[in-house]
Full PDB file with SEQRES, HELIX, SHEET, SSBOND, CRYST1, ORIGX, SCALE, CONECT and MASTER records, all heavy atoms in Angstrom:
SEQRES   1 A   35  PRO ALA LEU ASN GLU ALA ARG THR ARG PHE GLY LEU ALA          
SEQRES   2 A   35  PRO LEU SER ARG THR LEU ASP GLN LEU ARG PRO ASP ARG          
SEQRES   3 A   35  LEU LEU LEU ALA THR SER PRO SER PHE                          
HELIX    1 AA1 ALA A    2  ARG A    9  1                                   8    
HELIX    2 AA2 THR A   18  GLN A   21  5                                   4    
CRYST1    1.000    1.000    1.000  90.00  90.00  90.00 P 1           1          
ORIGX1      1.000000  0.000000  0.000000        0.00000                         
ORIGX2      0.000000  1.000000  0.000000        0.00000                         
ORIGX3      0.000000  0.000000  1.000000        0.00000                         
SCALE1      1.000000  0.000000  0.000000        0.00000                         
SCALE2      0.000000  1.000000  0.000000        0.00000                         
SCALE3      0.000000  0.000000  1.000000        0.00000                         
ATOM      1  N   PRO A   1      -7.214  11.023  -0.767  1.00  0.00           N  
ATOM      2  CA  PRO A   1      -6.685  12.290  -0.230  1.00  0.00           C  
ATOM      3  C   PRO A   1      -5.991  12.121   1.117  1.00  0.00           C  
ATOM      4  O   PRO A   1      -4.926  12.704   1.350  1.00  0.00           O  
ATOM      5  CB  PRO A   1      -7.929  13.174  -0.136  1.00  0.00           C  
ATOM      6  CG  PRO A   1      -8.840  12.647  -1.201  1.00  0.00           C  
ATOM      7  CD  PRO A   1      -8.622  11.159  -1.183  1.00  0.00           C  
ATOM      8  N   ALA A   2      -6.577  11.324   2.015  1.00  0.00           N  
ATOM      9  CA  ALA A   2      -5.957  11.123   3.336  1.00  0.00           C  
ATOM     10  C   ALA A   2      -4.645  10.372   3.197  1.00  0.00           C  
ATOM     11  O   ALA A   2      -3.652  10.694   3.869  1.00  0.00           O  
ATOM     12  CB  ALA A   2      -6.909  10.369   4.253  1.00  0.00           C  
ATOM     13  N   LEU A   3      -4.608   9.365   2.336  1.00  0.00           N  
ATOM     14  CA  LEU A   3      -3.378   8.598   2.142  1.00  0.00           C  
ATOM     15  C   LEU A   3      -2.297   9.476   1.523  1.00  0.00           C  
ATOM     16  O   LEU A   3      -1.139   9.460   1.970  1.00  0.00           O  
ATOM     17  CB  LEU A   3      -3.649   7.391   1.253  1.00  0.00           C  
ATOM     18  CG  LEU A   3      -2.451   6.504   0.931  1.00  0.00           C  
ATOM     19  CD1 LEU A   3      -1.872   5.882   2.193  1.00  0.00           C  
ATOM     20  CD2 LEU A   3      -2.846   5.406  -0.059  1.00  0.00           C  
ATOM     21  N   ASN A   4      -2.655  10.257   0.519  1.00  0.00           N  
ATOM     22  CA  ASN A   4      -1.664  11.119  -0.130  1.00  0.00           C  
ATOM     23  C   ASN A   4      -1.194  12.240   0.789  1.00  0.00           C  
ATOM     24  O   ASN A   4      -0.051  12.690   0.691  1.00  0.00           O  
ATOM     25  CB  ASN A   4      -2.225  11.687  -1.431  1.00  0.00           C  
ATOM     26  CG  ASN A   4      -2.082  10.717  -2.588  1.00  0.00           C  
ATOM     27  OD1 ASN A   4      -1.231   9.832  -2.569  1.00  0.00           O  
ATOM     28  ND2 ASN A   4      -2.925  10.875  -3.599  1.00  0.00           N  
ATOM     29  N   GLU A   5      -2.064  12.688   1.675  1.00  0.00           N  
ATOM     30  CA  GLU A   5      -1.635  13.674   2.659  1.00  0.00           C  
ATOM     31  C   GLU A   5      -0.529  13.094   3.533  1.00  0.00           C  
ATOM     32  O   GLU A   5       0.469  13.764   3.839  1.00  0.00           O  
ATOM     33  CB  GLU A   5      -2.815  14.108   3.529  1.00  0.00           C  
ATOM     34  CG  GLU A   5      -2.441  15.130   4.605  1.00  0.00           C  
ATOM     35  CD  GLU A   5      -3.598  15.471   5.523  1.00  0.00           C  
ATOM     36  OE1 GLU A   5      -4.722  14.991   5.283  1.00  0.00           O  
ATOM     37  OE2 GLU A   5      -3.367  16.218   6.504  1.00  0.00           O  
ATOM     38  N   ALA A   6      -0.705  11.816   3.943  1.00  0.00           N  
ATOM     39  CA  ALA A   6       0.336  11.159   4.736  1.00  0.00           C  
ATOM     40  C   ALA A   6       1.614  11.006   3.924  1.00  0.00           C  
ATOM     41  O   ALA A   6       2.724  11.240   4.424  1.00  0.00           O  
ATOM     42  CB  ALA A   6      -0.161   9.802   5.219  1.00  0.00           C  
ATOM     43  N   ARG A   7       1.492  10.621   2.676  1.00  0.00           N  
ATOM     44  CA  ARG A   7       2.673  10.415   1.832  1.00  0.00           C  
ATOM     45  C   ARG A   7       3.443  11.721   1.616  1.00  0.00           C  
ATOM     46  O   ARG A   7       4.673  11.756   1.777  1.00  0.00           O  
ATOM     47  CB  ARG A   7       2.247   9.817   0.481  1.00  0.00           C  
ATOM     48  CG  ARG A   7       1.788   8.377   0.579  1.00  0.00           C  
ATOM     49  CD  ARG A   7       1.367   7.840  -0.782  1.00  0.00           C  
ATOM     50  NE  ARG A   7       2.491   7.900  -1.735  1.00  0.00           N  
ATOM     51  CZ  ARG A   7       3.450   6.997  -1.829  1.00  0.00           C  
ATOM     52  NH1 ARG A   7       3.440   5.931  -1.032  1.00  0.00           N  
ATOM     53  NH2 ARG A   7       4.426   7.123  -2.719  1.00  0.00           N  
ATOM     54  N   THR A   8       2.762  12.773   1.252  1.00  0.00           N  
ATOM     55  CA  THR A   8       3.466  14.042   1.003  1.00  0.00           C  
ATOM     56  C   THR A   8       4.054  14.593   2.297  1.00  0.00           C  
ATOM     57  O   THR A   8       5.113  15.234   2.270  1.00  0.00           O  
ATOM     58  CB  THR A   8       2.518  15.067   0.366  1.00  0.00           C  
ATOM     59  OG1 THR A   8       1.365  15.251   1.200  1.00  0.00           O  
ATOM     60  CG2 THR A   8       2.064  14.600  -1.005  1.00  0.00           C  
ATOM     61  N   ARG A   9       3.410  14.331   3.406  1.00  0.00           N  
ATOM     62  CA  ARG A   9       3.925  14.799   4.695  1.00  0.00           C  
ATOM     63  C   ARG A   9       5.290  14.193   4.995  1.00  0.00           C  
ATOM     64  O   ARG A   9       6.140  14.833   5.634  1.00  0.00           O  
ATOM     65  CB  ARG A   9       2.924  14.429   5.788  1.00  0.00           C  
ATOM     66  CG  ARG A   9       3.300  14.895   7.182  1.00  0.00           C  
ATOM     67  CD  ARG A   9       2.166  14.575   8.133  1.00  0.00           C  
ATOM     68  NE  ARG A   9       2.484  14.974   9.491  1.00  0.00           N  
ATOM     69  CZ  ARG A   9       1.690  14.779  10.540  1.00  0.00           C  
ATOM     70  NH1 ARG A   9       0.521  14.199  10.346  1.00  0.00           N  
ATOM     71  NH2 ARG A   9       2.051  15.154  11.738  1.00  0.00           N  
ATOM     72  N   PHE A  10       5.512  12.976   4.503  1.00  0.00           N  
ATOM     73  CA  PHE A  10       6.773  12.295   4.771  1.00  0.00           C  
ATOM     74  C   PHE A  10       7.650  12.166   3.533  1.00  0.00           C  
ATOM     75  O   PHE A  10       8.477  11.265   3.439  1.00  0.00           O  
ATOM     76  CB  PHE A  10       6.494  10.929   5.400  1.00  0.00           C  
ATOM     77  CG  PHE A  10       5.735  11.036   6.693  1.00  0.00           C  
ATOM     78  CD1 PHE A  10       4.432  10.576   6.799  1.00  0.00           C  
ATOM     79  CD2 PHE A  10       6.313  11.641   7.806  1.00  0.00           C  
ATOM     80  CE1 PHE A  10       3.732  10.693   7.985  1.00  0.00           C  
ATOM     81  CE2 PHE A  10       5.615  11.764   8.990  1.00  0.00           C  
ATOM     82  CZ  PHE A  10       4.317  11.300   9.086  1.00  0.00           C  
ATOM     83  N   GLY A  11       7.448  13.076   2.594  1.00  0.00           N  
ATOM     84  CA  GLY A  11       8.368  13.194   1.474  1.00  0.00           C  
ATOM     85  C   GLY A  11       8.163  12.214   0.344  1.00  0.00           C  
ATOM     86  O   GLY A  11       9.076  12.005  -0.463  1.00  0.00           O  
ATOM     87  N   LEU A  12       6.988  11.615   0.242  1.00  0.00           N  
ATOM     88  CA  LEU A  12       6.710  10.661  -0.819  1.00  0.00           C  
ATOM     89  C   LEU A  12       5.771  11.266  -1.849  1.00  0.00           C  
ATOM     90  O   LEU A  12       4.912  12.093  -1.523  1.00  0.00           O  
ATOM     91  CB  LEU A  12       6.064   9.391  -0.240  1.00  0.00           C  
ATOM     92  CG  LEU A  12       6.886   8.625   0.794  1.00  0.00           C  
ATOM     93  CD1 LEU A  12       6.055   7.492   1.395  1.00  0.00           C  
ATOM     94  CD2 LEU A  12       8.163   8.072   0.182  1.00  0.00           C  
ATOM     95  N   ALA A  13       5.920  10.845  -3.090  1.00  0.00           N  
ATOM     96  CA  ALA A  13       5.060  11.340  -4.161  1.00  0.00           C  
ATOM     97  C   ALA A  13       3.641  10.813  -3.985  1.00  0.00           C  
ATOM     98  O   ALA A  13       3.443   9.680  -3.527  1.00  0.00           O  
ATOM     99  CB  ALA A  13       5.617  10.914  -5.516  1.00  0.00           C  
ATOM    100  N   PRO A  14       2.637  11.592  -4.338  1.00  0.00           N  
ATOM    101  CA  PRO A  14       1.256  11.113  -4.229  1.00  0.00           C  
ATOM    102  C   PRO A  14       0.986   9.975  -5.213  1.00  0.00           C  
ATOM    103  O   PRO A  14       1.667   9.829  -6.227  1.00  0.00           O  
ATOM    104  CB  PRO A  14       0.415  12.347  -4.570  1.00  0.00           C  
ATOM    105  CG  PRO A  14       1.327  13.224  -5.363  1.00  0.00           C  
ATOM    106  CD  PRO A  14       2.705  12.983  -4.835  1.00  0.00           C  
ATOM    107  N   LEU A  15      -0.012   9.165  -4.870  1.00  0.00           N  
ATOM    108  CA  LEU A  15      -0.421   8.039  -5.713  1.00  0.00           C  
ATOM    109  C   LEU A  15      -1.679   8.407  -6.484  1.00  0.00           C  
ATOM    110  O   LEU A  15      -2.452   9.279  -6.076  1.00  0.00           O  
ATOM    111  CB  LEU A  15      -0.692   6.813  -4.848  1.00  0.00           C  
ATOM    112  CG  LEU A  15       0.471   6.264  -4.022  1.00  0.00           C  
ATOM    113  CD1 LEU A  15      -0.020   5.139  -3.108  1.00  0.00           C  
ATOM    114  CD2 LEU A  15       1.588   5.774  -4.920  1.00  0.00           C  
ATOM    115  N   SER A  16      -1.918   7.694  -7.570  1.00  0.00           N  
ATOM    116  CA  SER A  16      -3.150   7.890  -8.328  1.00  0.00           C  
ATOM    117  C   SER A  16      -4.204   6.860  -7.956  1.00  0.00           C  
ATOM    118  O   SER A  16      -5.379   7.029  -8.284  1.00  0.00           O  
ATOM    119  CB  SER A  16      -2.870   7.826  -9.834  1.00  0.00           C  
ATOM    120  OG  SER A  16      -2.292   6.572 -10.169  1.00  0.00           O  
ATOM    121  N   ARG A  17      -3.804   5.778  -7.272  1.00  0.00           N  
ATOM    122  CA  ARG A  17      -4.714   4.732  -6.814  1.00  0.00           C  
ATOM    123  C   ARG A  17      -4.336   4.337  -5.392  1.00  0.00           C  
ATOM    124  O   ARG A  17      -3.157   4.145  -5.088  1.00  0.00           O  
ATOM    125  CB  ARG A  17      -4.636   3.480  -7.686  1.00  0.00           C  
ATOM    126  CG  ARG A  17      -5.042   3.642  -9.116  1.00  0.00           C  
ATOM    127  CD  ARG A  17      -4.741   2.380  -9.921  1.00  0.00           C  
ATOM    128  NE  ARG A  17      -5.477   1.201  -9.456  1.00  0.00           N  
ATOM    129  CZ  ARG A  17      -4.912   0.153  -8.855  1.00  0.00           C  
ATOM    130  NH1 ARG A  17      -3.603   0.126  -8.614  1.00  0.00           N  
ATOM    131  NH2 ARG A  17      -5.642  -0.877  -8.487  1.00  0.00           N  
ATOM    132  N   THR A  18      -5.313   4.206  -4.528  1.00  0.00           N  
ATOM    133  CA  THR A  18      -5.028   3.814  -3.148  1.00  0.00           C  
ATOM    134  C   THR A  18      -4.332   2.460  -3.080  1.00  0.00           C  
ATOM    135  O   THR A  18      -3.369   2.278  -2.321  1.00  0.00           O  
ATOM    136  CB  THR A  18      -6.338   3.767  -2.338  1.00  0.00           C  
ATOM    137  OG1 THR A  18      -6.894   5.079  -2.276  1.00  0.00           O  
ATOM    138  CG2 THR A  18      -6.094   3.252  -0.928  1.00  0.00           C  
ATOM    139  N   LEU A  19      -4.803   1.490  -3.874  1.00  0.00           N  
ATOM    140  CA  LEU A  19      -4.256   0.147  -3.776  1.00  0.00           C  
ATOM    141  C   LEU A  19      -2.834   0.049  -4.323  1.00  0.00           C  
ATOM    142  O   LEU A  19      -2.181  -0.981  -4.124  1.00  0.00           O  
ATOM    143  CB  LEU A  19      -5.177  -0.856  -4.483  1.00  0.00           C  
ATOM    144  CG  LEU A  19      -6.501  -1.116  -3.759  1.00  0.00           C  
ATOM    145  CD1 LEU A  19      -7.376  -2.069  -4.557  1.00  0.00           C  
ATOM    146  CD2 LEU A  19      -6.272  -1.659  -2.356  1.00  0.00           C  
ATOM    147  N   ASP A  20      -2.336   1.100  -4.982  1.00  0.00           N  
ATOM    148  CA  ASP A  20      -0.920   1.091  -5.370  1.00  0.00           C  
ATOM    149  C   ASP A  20      -0.010   1.124  -4.143  1.00  0.00           C  
ATOM    150  O   ASP A  20       1.162   0.744  -4.232  1.00  0.00           O  
ATOM    151  CB  ASP A  20      -0.603   2.290  -6.268  1.00  0.00           C  
ATOM    152  CG  ASP A  20      -1.120   2.100  -7.681  1.00  0.00           C  
ATOM    153  OD1 ASP A  20      -1.438   0.951  -8.045  1.00  0.00           O  
ATOM    154  OD2 ASP A  20      -1.222   3.102  -8.418  1.00  0.00           O  
ATOM    155  N   GLN A  21      -0.544   1.557  -2.996  1.00  0.00           N  
ATOM    156  CA  GLN A  21       0.248   1.546  -1.762  1.00  0.00           C  
ATOM    157  C   GLN A  21       0.463   0.127  -1.264  1.00  0.00           C  
ATOM    158  O   GLN A  21       1.444  -0.162  -0.576  1.00  0.00           O  
ATOM    159  CB  GLN A  21      -0.459   2.361  -0.673  1.00  0.00           C  
ATOM    160  CG  GLN A  21       0.304   2.515   0.627  1.00  0.00           C  
ATOM    161  CD  GLN A  21       1.565   3.331   0.467  1.00  0.00           C  
ATOM    162  OE1 GLN A  21       1.506   4.535   0.297  1.00  0.00           O  
ATOM    163  NE2 GLN A  21       2.731   2.681   0.526  1.00  0.00           N  
ATOM    164  N   LEU A  22      -0.444  -0.771  -1.629  1.00  0.00           N  
ATOM    165  CA  LEU A  22      -0.382  -2.145  -1.131  1.00  0.00           C  
ATOM    166  C   LEU A  22       0.527  -2.969  -2.051  1.00  0.00           C  
ATOM    167  O   LEU A  22       0.087  -3.940  -2.667  1.00  0.00           O  
ATOM    168  CB  LEU A  22      -1.788  -2.742  -1.081  1.00  0.00           C  
ATOM    169  CG  LEU A  22      -2.150  -3.598   0.135  1.00  0.00           C  
ATOM    170  CD1 LEU A  22      -3.623  -3.965   0.130  1.00  0.00           C  
ATOM    171  CD2 LEU A  22      -1.301  -4.850   0.227  1.00  0.00           C  
ATOM    172  N   ARG A  23       1.784  -2.563  -2.128  1.00  0.00           N  
ATOM    173  CA  ARG A  23       2.785  -3.270  -2.919  1.00  0.00           C  
ATOM    174  C   ARG A  23       4.067  -3.395  -2.102  1.00  0.00           C  
ATOM    175  O   ARG A  23       5.065  -2.750  -2.363  1.00  0.00           O  
ATOM    176  CB  ARG A  23       3.074  -2.522  -4.232  1.00  0.00           C  
ATOM    177  CG  ARG A  23       1.943  -2.545  -5.245  1.00  0.00           C  
ATOM    178  CD  ARG A  23       1.693  -3.957  -5.765  1.00  0.00           C  
ATOM    179  NE  ARG A  23       0.716  -3.968  -6.865  1.00  0.00           N  
ATOM    180  CZ  ARG A  23      -0.601  -4.011  -6.704  1.00  0.00           C  
ATOM    181  NH1 ARG A  23      -1.095  -4.043  -5.478  1.00  0.00           N  
ATOM    182  NH2 ARG A  23      -1.407  -4.033  -7.736  1.00  0.00           N  
ATOM    183  N   PRO A  24       4.021  -4.218  -1.047  1.00  0.00           N  
ATOM    184  CA  PRO A  24       5.189  -4.371  -0.182  1.00  0.00           C  
ATOM    185  C   PRO A  24       6.238  -5.258  -0.847  1.00  0.00           C  
ATOM    186  O   PRO A  24       6.033  -5.798  -1.936  1.00  0.00           O  
ATOM    187  CB  PRO A  24       4.611  -5.048   1.054  1.00  0.00           C  
ATOM    188  CG  PRO A  24       3.515  -5.906   0.480  1.00  0.00           C  
ATOM    189  CD  PRO A  24       2.926  -5.114  -0.655  1.00  0.00           C  
ATOM    190  N   ASP A  25       7.368  -5.437  -0.162  1.00  0.00           N  
ATOM    191  CA  ASP A  25       8.346  -6.423  -0.635  1.00  0.00           C  
ATOM    192  C   ASP A  25       7.773  -7.829  -0.564  1.00  0.00           C  
ATOM    193  O   ASP A  25       8.052  -8.671  -1.421  1.00  0.00           O  
ATOM    194  CB  ASP A  25       9.625  -6.339   0.202  1.00  0.00           C  
ATOM    195  CG  ASP A  25      10.310  -5.002   0.051  1.00  0.00           C  
ATOM    196  OD1 ASP A  25      10.812  -4.710  -1.048  1.00  0.00           O  
ATOM    197  OD2 ASP A  25      10.310  -4.233   1.028  1.00  0.00           O  
ATOM    198  N   ARG A  26       6.988  -8.096   0.481  1.00  0.00           N  
ATOM    199  CA  ARG A  26       6.327  -9.386   0.631  1.00  0.00           C  
ATOM    200  C   ARG A  26       4.944  -9.181   1.227  1.00  0.00           C  
ATOM    201  O   ARG A  26       4.792  -8.461   2.228  1.00  0.00           O  
ATOM    202  CB  ARG A  26       7.109 -10.338   1.549  1.00  0.00           C  
ATOM    203  CG  ARG A  26       8.445 -10.784   1.031  1.00  0.00           C  
ATOM    204  CD  ARG A  26       8.329 -11.757  -0.126  1.00  0.00           C  
ATOM    205  NE  ARG A  26       9.642 -12.266  -0.498  1.00  0.00           N  
ATOM    206  CZ  ARG A  26      10.466 -11.648  -1.348  1.00  0.00           C  
ATOM    207  NH1 ARG A  26      10.109 -10.488  -1.893  1.00  0.00           N  
ATOM    208  NH2 ARG A  26      11.636 -12.185  -1.636  1.00  0.00           N  
ATOM    209  N   LEU A  27       3.952  -9.821   0.620  1.00  0.00           N  
ATOM    210  CA  LEU A  27       2.627  -9.935   1.210  1.00  0.00           C  
ATOM    211  C   LEU A  27       2.450 -11.406   1.558  1.00  0.00           C  
ATOM    212  O   LEU A  27       2.353 -12.258   0.671  1.00  0.00           O  
ATOM    213  CB  LEU A  27       1.546  -9.475   0.232  1.00  0.00           C  
ATOM    214  CG  LEU A  27       0.096  -9.657   0.685  1.00  0.00           C  
ATOM    215  CD1 LEU A  27      -0.180  -8.903   1.985  1.00  0.00           C  
ATOM    216  CD2 LEU A  27      -0.877  -9.208  -0.409  1.00  0.00           C  
ATOM    217  N   LEU A  28       2.465 -11.701   2.850  1.00  0.00           N  
ATOM    218  CA  LEU A  28       2.472 -13.087   3.330  1.00  0.00           C  
ATOM    219  C   LEU A  28       1.066 -13.475   3.775  1.00  0.00           C  
ATOM    220  O   LEU A  28       0.538 -12.921   4.757  1.00  0.00           O  
ATOM    221  CB  LEU A  28       3.480 -13.243   4.467  1.00  0.00           C  
ATOM    222  CG  LEU A  28       4.912 -12.840   4.089  1.00  0.00           C  
ATOM    223  CD1 LEU A  28       5.838 -12.964   5.289  1.00  0.00           C  
ATOM    224  CD2 LEU A  28       5.423 -13.685   2.923  1.00  0.00           C  
ATOM    225  N   LEU A  29       0.465 -14.392   3.054  1.00  0.00           N  
ATOM    226  CA  LEU A  29      -0.909 -14.808   3.298  1.00  0.00           C  
ATOM    227  C   LEU A  29      -0.934 -15.963   4.289  1.00  0.00           C  
ATOM    228  O   LEU A  29      -0.497 -17.074   3.968  1.00  0.00           O  
ATOM    229  CB  LEU A  29      -1.571 -15.240   1.992  1.00  0.00           C  
ATOM    230  CG  LEU A  29      -1.551 -14.231   0.832  1.00  0.00           C  
ATOM    231  CD1 LEU A  29      -2.222 -14.836  -0.402  1.00  0.00           C  
ATOM    232  CD2 LEU A  29      -2.212 -12.921   1.232  1.00  0.00           C  
ATOM    233  N   ALA A  30      -1.447 -15.698   5.478  1.00  0.00           N  
ATOM    234  CA  ALA A  30      -1.509 -16.733   6.512  1.00  0.00           C  
ATOM    235  C   ALA A  30      -2.790 -17.545   6.345  1.00  0.00           C  
ATOM    236  O   ALA A  30      -3.636 -17.636   7.241  1.00  0.00           O  
ATOM    237  CB  ALA A  30      -1.431 -16.110   7.897  1.00  0.00           C  
ATOM    238  N   THR A  31      -2.918 -18.116   5.168  1.00  0.00           N  
ATOM    239  CA  THR A  31      -4.036 -18.993   4.869  1.00  0.00           C  
ATOM    240  C   THR A  31      -3.507 -20.176   4.088  1.00  0.00           C  
ATOM    241  O   THR A  31      -2.326 -20.220   3.710  1.00  0.00           O  
ATOM    242  CB  THR A  31      -5.139 -18.264   4.092  1.00  0.00           C  
ATOM    243  OG1 THR A  31      -6.317 -19.093   4.058  1.00  0.00           O  
ATOM    244  CG2 THR A  31      -4.720 -17.931   2.670  1.00  0.00           C  
ATOM    245  N   SER A  32      -4.385 -21.116   3.806  1.00  0.00           N  
ATOM    246  CA  SER A  32      -3.995 -22.321   3.081  1.00  0.00           C  
ATOM    247  C   SER A  32      -4.306 -22.168   1.598  1.00  0.00           C  
ATOM    248  O   SER A  32      -5.437 -21.827   1.239  1.00  0.00           O  
ATOM    249  CB  SER A  32      -4.768 -23.525   3.631  1.00  0.00           C  
ATOM    250  OG  SER A  32      -4.805 -24.584   2.700  1.00  0.00           O  
ATOM    251  N   PRO A  33      -3.335 -22.427   0.719  1.00  0.00           N  
ATOM    252  CA  PRO A  33      -3.643 -22.395  -0.712  1.00  0.00           C  
ATOM    253  C   PRO A  33      -4.667 -23.454  -1.104  1.00  0.00           C  
ATOM    254  O   PRO A  33      -5.409 -23.274  -2.070  1.00  0.00           O  
ATOM    255  CB  PRO A  33      -2.283 -22.644  -1.385  1.00  0.00           C  
ATOM    256  CG  PRO A  33      -1.425 -23.252  -0.329  1.00  0.00           C  
ATOM    257  CD  PRO A  33      -1.914 -22.699   0.974  1.00  0.00           C  
ATOM    258  N   SER A  34      -4.729 -24.541  -0.358  1.00  0.00           N  
ATOM    259  CA  SER A  34      -5.740 -25.561  -0.646  1.00  0.00           C  
ATOM    260  C   SER A  34      -7.145 -25.080  -0.286  1.00  0.00           C  
ATOM    261  O   SER A  34      -8.129 -25.459  -0.926  1.00  0.00           O  
ATOM    262  CB  SER A  34      -5.436 -26.850   0.127  1.00  0.00           C  
ATOM    263  OG  SER A  34      -4.196 -27.398  -0.264  1.00  0.00           O  
ATOM    264  N   PHE A  35      -7.257 -24.235   0.734  1.00  0.00           N  
ATOM    265  CA  PHE A  35      -8.538 -23.652   1.125  1.00  0.00           C  
ATOM    266  C   PHE A  35      -8.935 -22.528   0.180  1.00  0.00           C  
ATOM    267  O   PHE A  35     -10.114 -22.323  -0.110  1.00  0.00           O  
ATOM    268  CB  PHE A  35      -8.453 -23.144   2.564  1.00  0.00           C  
ATOM    269  CG  PHE A  35      -9.598 -22.257   2.982  1.00  0.00           C  
ATOM    270  CD1 PHE A  35     -10.861 -22.795   3.169  1.00  0.00           C  
ATOM    271  CD2 PHE A  35      -9.413 -20.901   3.196  1.00  0.00           C  
ATOM    272  CE1 PHE A  35     -11.932 -21.980   3.554  1.00  0.00           C  
ATOM    273  CE2 PHE A  35     -10.463 -20.086   3.590  1.00  0.00           C  
ATOM    274  CZ  PHE A  35     -11.730 -20.625   3.772  1.00  0.00           C  
TER     275      PHE A  35                                                      
MASTER        0    0    0    2    0    0    0    6  274    1    0    3          
END                                                                             
């Protein structure tokens, strides 16, 4: 609800899942793939 309130406030459609927001152009992992 809090996330969708922010989205609708700025003209974006609400989401059905919070983690659907975590879909950027790039998610850059500052870790080692070997680790």
